[in-house]
């Protein structure tokens, strides 16, 4: 019965790709969450239409750039200046 269900689920290529992508995502998140070194820093960037913004958490300090930047690299550089260039890549 299990073989039948697996064959039915993986028969349709878009569903198979989605299931494998989800499994890969959960595996990478589990690896990330179990690594204490990688949990020390978190960063996010986004575009709100008028420019890029970003935030980072480093050593329990929160840095937020609310000034719209021209591109993502400019937003990264602005946050890098806030953290005195000590942020690892």
PDB file of N, CA and C in Angstrom:
ATOM      1  N   UNK A   1       0.814  -1.192   0.000  1.00  0.00           N
ATOM      2  CA  UNK A   1       0.000   0.000   0.000  1.00  0.00           C
ATOM      3  C   UNK A   1       0.861   1.261   0.000  1.00  0.00           C
ATOM      4  N   UNK A   2       1.937   1.257   0.778  1.00  0.00           N
ATOM      5  CA  UNK A   2       2.832   2.422   0.837  1.00  0.00           C
ATOM      6  C   UNK A   2       3.472   2.654  -0.530  1.00  0.00           C
ATOM      7  N   UNK A   3       3.923   1.580  -1.177  1.00  0.00           N
ATOM      8  CA  UNK A   3       4.535   1.723  -2.501  1.00  0.00           C
ATOM      9  C   UNK A   3       3.545   2.331  -3.497  1.00  0.00           C
ATOM     10  N   UNK A   4       2.307   1.928  -3.433  1.00  0.00           N
ATOM     11  CA  UNK A   4       1.294   2.466  -4.320  1.00  0.00           C
ATOM     12  C   UNK A   4       1.126   3.968  -4.087  1.00  0.00           C
ATOM     13  N   UNK A   5       1.053   4.377  -2.815  1.00  0.00           N
ATOM     14  CA  UNK A   5       0.883   5.777  -2.479  1.00  0.00           C
ATOM     15  C   UNK A   5       2.092   6.613  -2.929  1.00  0.00           C
ATOM     16  N   UNK A   6       3.288   6.116  -2.695  1.00  0.00           N
ATOM     17  CA  UNK A   6       4.500   6.831  -3.111  1.00  0.00           C
ATOM     18  C   UNK A   6       4.538   6.960  -4.626  1.00  0.00           C
ATOM     19  N   UNK A   7       4.206   5.886  -5.341  1.00  0.00           N
ATOM     20  CA  UNK A   7       4.188   5.946  -6.809  1.00  0.00           C
ATOM     21  C   UNK A   7       3.159   6.946  -7.312  1.00  0.00           C
ATOM     22  N   UNK A   8       2.004   7.017  -6.665  1.00  0.00           N
ATOM     23  CA  UNK A   8       0.969   7.972  -7.074  1.00  0.00           C
ATOM     24  C   UNK A   8       1.418   9.410  -6.809  1.00  0.00           C
ATOM     25  N   UNK A   9       2.040   9.656  -5.656  1.00  0.00           N
ATOM     26  CA  UNK A   9       2.480  11.005  -5.318  1.00  0.00           C
ATOM     27  C   UNK A   9       3.607  11.478  -6.230  1.00  0.00           C
ATOM     28  N   UNK A  10       4.539  10.585  -6.534  1.00  0.00           N
ATOM     29  CA  UNK A  10       5.699  10.973  -7.319  1.00  0.00           C
ATOM     30  C   UNK A  10       5.492  10.820  -8.825  1.00  0.00           C
ATOM     31  N   UNK A  11       4.348  10.357  -9.242  1.00  0.00           N
ATOM     32  CA  UNK A  11       4.070  10.199 -10.660  1.00  0.00           C
ATOM     33  C   UNK A  11       3.948  11.551 -11.346  1.00  0.00           C
ATOM     34  N   UNK A  12       3.286  12.494 -10.714  1.00  0.00           N
ATOM     35  CA  UNK A  12       3.064  13.812 -11.278  1.00  0.00           C
ATOM     36  C   UNK A  12       4.289  14.687 -10.989  1.00  0.00           C
ATOM     37  N   UNK A  13       4.993  15.109 -12.022  1.00  0.00           N
ATOM     38  CA  UNK A  13       6.274  15.810 -11.891  1.00  0.00           C
ATOM     39  C   UNK A  13       6.191  17.087 -11.052  1.00  0.00           C
ATOM     40  N   UNK A  14       5.211  17.979 -11.249  1.00  0.00           N
ATOM     41  CA  UNK A  14       5.170  19.187 -10.406  1.00  0.00           C
ATOM     42  C   UNK A  14       5.009  18.868  -8.917  1.00  0.00           C
ATOM     43  N   UNK A  15       4.185  17.866  -8.611  1.00  0.00           N
ATOM     44  CA  UNK A  15       4.008  17.489  -7.211  1.00  0.00           C
ATOM     45  C   UNK A  15       5.285  16.867  -6.660  1.00  0.00           C
ATOM     46  N   UNK A  16       5.945  16.030  -7.443  1.00  0.00           N
ATOM     47  CA  UNK A  16       7.205  15.420  -7.020  1.00  0.00           C
ATOM     48  C   UNK A  16       8.254  16.497  -6.740  1.00  0.00           C
ATOM     49  N   UNK A  17       8.375  17.481  -7.637  1.00  0.00           N
ATOM     50  CA  UNK A  17       9.338  18.570  -7.441  1.00  0.00           C
ATOM     51  C   UNK A  17       9.010  19.388  -6.194  1.00  0.00           C
ATOM     52  N   UNK A  18       7.737  19.642  -5.966  1.00  0.00           N
ATOM     53  CA  UNK A  18       7.330  20.406  -4.789  1.00  0.00           C
ATOM     54  C   UNK A  18       7.628  19.646  -3.502  1.00  0.00           C
ATOM     55  N   UNK A  19       7.342  18.344  -3.488  1.00  0.00           N
ATOM     56  CA  UNK A  19       7.619  17.533  -2.297  1.00  0.00           C
ATOM     57  C   UNK A  19       9.118  17.462  -2.005  1.00  0.00           C
ATOM     58  N   UNK A  20       9.920  17.278  -3.029  1.00  0.00           N
ATOM     59  CA  UNK A  20      11.370  17.205  -2.829  1.00  0.00           C
ATOM     60  C   UNK A  20      11.938  18.561  -2.408  1.00  0.00           C
ATOM     61  N   UNK A  21      11.413  19.647  -2.951  1.00  0.00           N
ATOM     62  CA  UNK A  21      11.863  20.981  -2.550  1.00  0.00           C
ATOM     63  C   UNK A  21      11.513  21.249  -1.087  1.00  0.00           C
ATOM     64  N   UNK A  22      10.339  20.814  -0.668  1.00  0.00           N
ATOM     65  CA  UNK A  22       9.924  20.992   0.728  1.00  0.00           C
ATOM     66  C   UNK A  22      10.805  20.180   1.667  1.00  0.00           C
ATOM     67  N   UNK A  23      11.110  18.952   1.280  1.00  0.00           N
ATOM     68  CA  UNK A  23      11.990  18.112   2.101  1.00  0.00           C
ATOM     69  C   UNK A  23      13.392  18.717   2.188  1.00  0.00           C
ATOM     70  N   UNK A  24      13.898  19.235   1.093  1.00  0.00           N
ATOM     71  CA  UNK A  24      15.209  19.883   1.092  1.00  0.00           C
ATOM     72  C   UNK A  24      15.201  21.123   1.978  1.00  0.00           C
ATOM     73  N   UNK A  25      14.124  21.903   1.920  1.00  0.00           N
ATOM     74  CA  UNK A  25      14.005  23.093   2.757  1.00  0.00           C
ATOM     75  C   UNK A  25      14.035  22.714   4.237  1.00  0.00           C
ATOM     76  N   UNK A  26      13.255  21.712   4.636  1.00  0.00           N
ATOM     77  CA  UNK A  26      13.223  21.310   6.035  1.00  0.00           C
ATOM     78  C   UNK A  26      14.568  20.751   6.491  1.00  0.00           C
ATOM     79  N   UNK A  27      15.259  20.023   5.629  1.00  0.00           N
ATOM     80  CA  UNK A  27      16.582  19.514   5.981  1.00  0.00           C
ATOM     81  C   UNK A  27      17.568  20.660   6.190  1.00  0.00           C
ATOM     82  N   UNK A  28      17.541  21.656   5.307  1.00  0.00           N
ATOM     83  CA  UNK A  28      18.471  22.782   5.450  1.00  0.00           C
ATOM     84  C   UNK A  28      18.129  23.618   6.683  1.00  0.00           C
ATOM     85  N   UNK A  29      16.844  23.801   6.981  1.00  0.00           N
ATOM     86  CA  UNK A  29      16.465  24.551   8.173  1.00  0.00           C
ATOM     87  C   UNK A  29      16.869  23.805   9.441  1.00  0.00           C
ATOM     88  N   UNK A  30      16.715  22.496   9.465  1.00  0.00           N
ATOM     89  CA  UNK A  30      17.130  21.702  10.622  1.00  0.00           C
ATOM     90  C   UNK A  30      18.625  21.815  10.838  1.00  0.00           C
ATOM     91  N   UNK A  31      19.393  21.741   9.759  1.00  0.00           N
ATOM     92  CA  UNK A  31      20.849  21.886   9.859  1.00  0.00           C
ATOM     93  C   UNK A  31      21.209  23.267  10.391  1.00  0.00           C
ATOM     94  N   UNK A  32      20.569  24.291   9.885  1.00  0.00           N
ATOM     95  CA  UNK A  32      20.837  25.661  10.316  1.00  0.00           C
ATOM     96  C   UNK A  32      20.492  25.860  11.788  1.00  0.00           C
ATOM     97  N   UNK A  33      19.331  25.401  12.204  1.00  0.00           N
ATOM     98  CA  UNK A  33      18.894  25.595  13.581  1.00  0.00           C
ATOM     99  C   UNK A  33      19.726  24.805  14.589  1.00  0.00           C
ATOM    100  N   UNK A  34      20.327  23.716  14.153  1.00  0.00           N
ATOM    101  CA  UNK A  34      21.152  22.909  15.051  1.00  0.00           C
ATOM    102  C   UNK A  34      22.593  23.382  15.131  1.00  0.00           C
ATOM    103  N   UNK A  35      22.967  24.392  14.337  1.00  0.00           N
ATOM    104  CA  UNK A  35      24.325  24.919  14.339  1.00  0.00           C
ATOM    105  C   UNK A  35      24.357  26.197  15.173  1.00  0.00           C
ATOM    106  N   UNK A  36      24.966  26.157  16.368  1.00  0.00           N
ATOM    107  CA  UNK A  36      24.945  27.341  17.225  1.00  0.00           C
ATOM    108  C   UNK A  36      25.666  28.543  16.616  1.00  0.00           C
ATOM    109  N   UNK A  37      26.695  28.320  15.821  1.00  0.00           N
ATOM    110  CA  UNK A  37      27.435  29.419  15.208  1.00  0.00           C
ATOM    111  C   UNK A  37      26.578  30.185  14.207  1.00  0.00           C
ATOM    112  N   UNK A  38      25.768  29.468  13.433  1.00  0.00           N
ATOM    113  CA  UNK A  38      24.929  30.133  12.433  1.00  0.00           C
ATOM    114  C   UNK A  38      23.742  30.857  13.060  1.00  0.00           C
ATOM    115  N   UNK A  39      23.409  30.550  14.290  1.00  0.00           N
ATOM    116  CA  UNK A  39      22.278  31.195  14.946  1.00  0.00           C
ATOM    117  C   UNK A  39      22.660  32.517  15.608  1.00  0.00           C
ATOM    118  N   UNK A  40      23.926  32.901  15.553  1.00  0.00           N
ATOM    119  CA  UNK A  40      24.355  34.153  16.165  1.00  0.00           C
ATOM    120  C   UNK A  40      23.993  35.371  15.330  1.00  0.00           C
ATOM    121  N   UNK A  41      23.843  35.216  14.035  1.00  0.00           N
ATOM    122  CA  UNK A  41      23.564  36.332  13.141  1.00  0.00           C
ATOM    123  C   UNK A  41      22.377  35.994  12.245  1.00  0.00           C
ATOM    124  N   UNK A  42      21.489  36.950  12.076  1.00  0.00           N
ATOM    125  CA  UNK A  42      20.368  36.813  11.137  1.00  0.00           C
ATOM    126  C   UNK A  42      20.242  38.114  10.367  1.00  0.00           C
ATOM    127  N   UNK A  43      19.954  38.029   9.089  1.00  0.00           N
ATOM    128  CA  UNK A  43      19.852  39.208   8.241  1.00  0.00           C
ATOM    129  C   UNK A  43      18.728  39.014   7.233  1.00  0.00           C
ATOM    130  N   UNK A  44      18.051  40.105   6.899  1.00  0.00           N
ATOM    131  CA  UNK A  44      17.011  40.045   5.869  1.00  0.00           C
ATOM    132  C   UNK A  44      17.015  41.352   5.086  1.00  0.00           C
ATOM    133  N   UNK A  45      16.721  41.253   3.796  1.00  0.00           N
ATOM    134  CA  UNK A  45      16.611  42.415   2.906  1.00  0.00           C
ATOM    135  C   UNK A  45      15.325  42.276   2.110  1.00  0.00           C
ATOM    136  N   UNK A  46      14.707  43.402   1.785  1.00  0.00           N
ATOM    137  CA  UNK A  46      13.504  43.373   0.981  1.00  0.00           C
ATOM    138  C   UNK A  46      13.360  44.692   0.237  1.00  0.00           C
ATOM    139  N   UNK A  47      12.554  44.658  -0.823  1.00  0.00           N
ATOM    140  CA  UNK A  47      12.298  45.842  -1.640  1.00  0.00           C
ATOM    141  C   UNK A  47      10.834  46.219  -1.470  1.00  0.00           C
ATOM    142  N   UNK A  48      10.587  47.444  -1.025  1.00  0.00           N
ATOM    143  CA  UNK A  48       9.213  47.917  -0.836  1.00  0.00           C
ATOM    144  C   UNK A  48       8.720  48.757  -2.003  1.00  0.00           C
ATOM    145  N   UNK A  49       9.425  48.727  -3.115  1.00  0.00           N
ATOM    146  CA  UNK A  49       9.008  49.490  -4.279  1.00  0.00           C
ATOM    147  C   UNK A  49       9.749  50.807  -4.424  1.00  0.00           C
ATOM    148  N   UNK A  50      10.013  51.469  -3.310  1.00  0.00           N
ATOM    149  CA  UNK A  50      10.758  52.728  -3.374  1.00  0.00           C
ATOM    150  C   UNK A  50      12.234  52.530  -3.064  1.00  0.00           C
ATOM    151  N   UNK A  51      12.641  51.336  -2.708  1.00  0.00           N
ATOM    152  CA  UNK A  51      14.041  51.043  -2.427  1.00  0.00           C
ATOM    153  C   UNK A  51      14.189  49.843  -1.506  1.00  0.00           C
ATOM    154  N   UNK A  52      15.426  49.423  -1.336  1.00  0.00           N
ATOM    155  CA  UNK A  52      15.737  48.252  -0.520  1.00  0.00           C
ATOM    156  C   UNK A  52      15.964  48.665   0.927  1.00  0.00           C
ATOM    157  N   UNK A  53      15.492  47.829   1.819  1.00  0.00           N
ATOM    158  CA  UNK A  53      15.694  48.014   3.249  1.00  0.00           C
ATOM    159  C   UNK A  53      16.235  46.699   3.821  1.00  0.00           C
ATOM    160  N   UNK A  54      16.723  46.764   5.043  1.00  0.00           N
ATOM    161  CA  UNK A  54      17.240  45.544   5.635  1.00  0.00           C
ATOM    162  C   UNK A  54      17.373  45.648   7.130  1.00  0.00           C
ATOM    163  N   UNK A  55      17.527  44.502   7.769  1.00  0.00           N
ATOM    164  CA  UNK A  55      17.795  44.441   9.200  1.00  0.00           C
ATOM    165  C   UNK A  55      18.754  43.292   9.468  1.00  0.00           C
ATOM    166  N   UNK A  56      19.415  43.364  10.601  1.00  0.00           N
ATOM    167  CA  UNK A  56      20.301  42.288  11.022  1.00  0.00           C
ATOM    168  C   UNK A  56      20.322  42.223  12.540  1.00  0.00           C
ATOM    169  N   UNK A  57      20.546  41.056  13.064  1.00  0.00           N
ATOM    170  CA  UNK A  57      20.753  40.844  14.497  1.00  0.00           C
ATOM    171  C   UNK A  57      22.130  40.232  14.629  1.00  0.00           C
ATOM    172  N   UNK A  58      22.942  40.869  15.450  1.00  0.00           N
ATOM    173  CA  UNK A  58      24.299  40.382  15.648  1.00  0.00           C
ATOM    174  C   UNK A  58      24.677  40.555  17.111  1.00  0.00           C
ATOM    175  N   UNK A  59      25.063  39.483  17.755  1.00  0.00           N
ATOM    176  CA  UNK A  59      25.460  39.517  19.162  1.00  0.00           C
ATOM    177  C   UNK A  59      24.413  40.216  20.023  1.00  0.00           C
ATOM    178  N   UNK A  60      23.159  39.849  19.812  1.00  0.00           N
ATOM    179  CA  UNK A  60      22.013  40.390  20.556  1.00  0.00           C
ATOM    180  C   UNK A  60      21.825  41.892  20.363  1.00  0.00           C
ATOM    181  N   UNK A  61      22.336  42.444  19.279  1.00  0.00           N
ATOM    182  CA  UNK A  61      22.097  43.836  18.912  1.00  0.00           C
ATOM    183  C   UNK A  61      21.314  43.850  17.602  1.00  0.00           C
ATOM    184  N   UNK A  62      20.335  44.722  17.536  1.00  0.00           N
ATOM    185  CA  UNK A  62      19.437  44.792  16.394  1.00  0.00           C
ATOM    186  C   UNK A  62      19.752  46.051  15.599  1.00  0.00           C
ATOM    187  N   UNK A  63      20.005  45.895  14.288  1.00  0.00           N
ATOM    188  CA  UNK A  63      20.278  47.011  13.399  1.00  0.00           C
ATOM    189  C   UNK A  63      19.224  47.019  12.299  1.00  0.00           C
ATOM    190  N   UNK A  64      18.631  48.189  12.054  1.00  0.00           N
ATOM    191  CA  UNK A  64      17.564  48.301  11.065  1.00  0.00           C
ATOM    192  C   UNK A  64      17.842  49.500  10.170  1.00  0.00           C
ATOM    193  N   UNK A  65      17.833  49.306   8.875  1.00  0.00           N
ATOM    194  CA  UNK A  65      18.023  50.382   7.908  1.00  0.00           C
ATOM    195  C   UNK A  65      16.683  50.675   7.252  1.00  0.00           C
ATOM    196  N   UNK A  66      16.060  51.785   7.644  1.00  0.00           N
ATOM    197  CA  UNK A  66      14.758  52.158   7.100  1.00  0.00           C
ATOM    198  C   UNK A  66      14.876  53.165   5.957  1.00  0.00           C
ATOM    199  N   UNK A  67      16.101  53.544   5.612  1.00  0.00           N
ATOM    200  CA  UNK A  67      16.321  54.477   4.502  1.00  0.00           C
ATOM    201  C   UNK A  67      16.304  53.681   3.200  1.00  0.00           C
ATOM    202  N   UNK A  68      15.434  54.017   2.254  1.00  0.00           N
ATOM    203  CA  UNK A  68      15.398  53.260   0.990  1.00  0.00           C
ATOM    204  C   UNK A  68      16.733  53.364   0.254  1.00  0.00           C
ATOM    205  N   UNK A  69      17.300  52.247  -0.078  1.00  0.00           N
ATOM    206  CA  UNK A  69      18.558  52.189  -0.822  1.00  0.00           C
ATOM    207  C   UNK A  69      18.259  51.822  -2.273  1.00  0.00           C
ATOM    208  N   UNK A  70      19.142  52.226  -3.170  1.00  0.00           N
ATOM    209  CA  UNK A  70      18.946  52.025  -4.603  1.00  0.00           C
ATOM    210  C   UNK A  70      18.901  50.539  -4.980  1.00  0.00           C
ATOM    211  N   UNK A  71      19.790  49.747  -4.394  1.00  0.00           N
ATOM    212  CA  UNK A  71      19.826  48.316  -4.697  1.00  0.00           C
ATOM    213  C   UNK A  71      20.173  47.529  -3.435  1.00  0.00           C
ATOM    214  N   UNK A  72      20.136  46.218  -3.540  1.00  0.00           N
ATOM    215  CA  UNK A  72      20.368  45.373  -2.375  1.00  0.00           C
ATOM    216  C   UNK A  72      21.791  45.517  -1.852  1.00  0.00           C
ATOM    217  N   UNK A  73      22.753  45.692  -2.736  1.00  0.00           N
ATOM    218  CA  UNK A  73      24.139  45.858  -2.312  1.00  0.00           C
ATOM    219  C   UNK A  73      24.299  47.120  -1.476  1.00  0.00           C
ATOM    220  N   UNK A  74      23.629  48.200  -1.858  1.00  0.00           N
ATOM    221  CA  UNK A  74      23.678  49.435  -1.072  1.00  0.00           C
ATOM    222  C   UNK A  74      23.068  49.231   0.305  1.00  0.00           C
ATOM    223  N   UNK A  75      21.980  48.471   0.384  1.00  0.00           N
ATOM    224  CA  UNK A  75      21.370  48.171   1.679  1.00  0.00           C
ATOM    225  C   UNK A  75      22.319  47.341   2.532  1.00  0.00           C
ATOM    226  N   UNK A  76      22.998  46.386   1.920  1.00  0.00           N
ATOM    227  CA  UNK A  76      23.966  45.568   2.642  1.00  0.00           C
ATOM    228  C   UNK A  76      25.115  46.423   3.161  1.00  0.00           C
ATOM    229  N   UNK A  77      25.617  47.329   2.327  1.00  0.00           N
ATOM    230  CA  UNK A  77      26.715  48.199   2.744  1.00  0.00           C
ATOM    231  C   UNK A  77      26.293  49.128   3.878  1.00  0.00           C
ATOM    232  N   UNK A  78      25.062  49.626   3.850  1.00  0.00           N
ATOM    233  CA  UNK A  78      24.576  50.490   4.926  1.00  0.00           C
ATOM    234  C   UNK A  78      24.533  49.734   6.248  1.00  0.00           C
ATOM    235  N   UNK A  79      24.046  48.492   6.221  1.00  0.00           N
ATOM    236  CA  UNK A  79      24.034  47.699   7.451  1.00  0.00           C
ATOM    237  C   UNK A  79      25.447  47.346   7.886  1.00  0.00           C
ATOM    238  N   UNK A  80      26.326  47.129   6.928  1.00  0.00           N
ATOM    239  CA  UNK A  80      27.715  46.815   7.255  1.00  0.00           C
ATOM    240  C   UNK A  80      28.372  47.990   7.971  1.00  0.00           C
ATOM    241  N   UNK A  81      28.068  49.212   7.543  1.00  0.00           N
ATOM    242  CA  UNK A  81      28.602  50.398   8.213  1.00  0.00           C
ATOM    243  C   UNK A  81      28.050  50.520   9.633  1.00  0.00           C
ATOM    244  N   UNK A  82      26.782  50.164   9.821  1.00  0.00           N
ATOM    245  CA  UNK A  82      26.184  50.239  11.163  1.00  0.00           C
ATOM    246  C   UNK A  82      26.858  49.285  12.135  1.00  0.00           C
ATOM    247  N   UNK A  83      27.278  48.134  11.626  1.00  0.00           N
ATOM    248  CA  UNK A  83      27.901  47.129  12.485  1.00  0.00           C
ATOM    249  C   UNK A  83      29.406  47.262  12.491  1.00  0.00           C
ATOM    250  N   UNK A  84      29.934  48.386  12.030  1.00  0.00           N
ATOM    251  CA  UNK A  84      31.375  48.671  11.995  1.00  0.00           C
ATOM    252  C   UNK A  84      32.145  47.683  11.141  1.00  0.00           C
ATOM    253  N   UNK A  85      31.496  47.111  10.153  1.00  0.00           N
ATOM    254  CA  UNK A  85      32.178  46.201   9.236  1.00  0.00           C
ATOM    255  C   UNK A  85      32.609  44.889   9.857  1.00  0.00           C
ATOM    256  N   UNK A  86      32.086  44.557  11.031  1.00  0.00           N
ATOM    257  CA  UNK A  86      32.482  43.344  11.740  1.00  0.00           C
ATOM    258  C   UNK A  86      31.597  42.157  11.405  1.00  0.00           C
ATOM    259  N   UNK A  87      30.585  42.385  10.580  1.00  0.00           N
ATOM    260  CA  UNK A  87      29.637  41.311  10.258  1.00  0.00           C
ATOM    261  C   UNK A  87      30.263  40.320   9.293  1.00  0.00           C
ATOM    262  N   UNK A  88      30.206  39.007   9.600  1.00  0.00           N
ATOM    263  CA  UNK A  88      30.743  38.023   8.657  1.00  0.00           C
ATOM    264  C   UNK A  88      29.885  37.907   7.419  1.00  0.00           C
ATOM    265  N   UNK A  89      30.501  37.558   6.311  1.00  0.00           N
ATOM    266  CA  UNK A  89      29.758  37.375   5.061  1.00  0.00           C
ATOM    267  C   UNK A  89      29.042  36.062   5.058  1.00  0.00           C
TER     268      UNK A  89
END
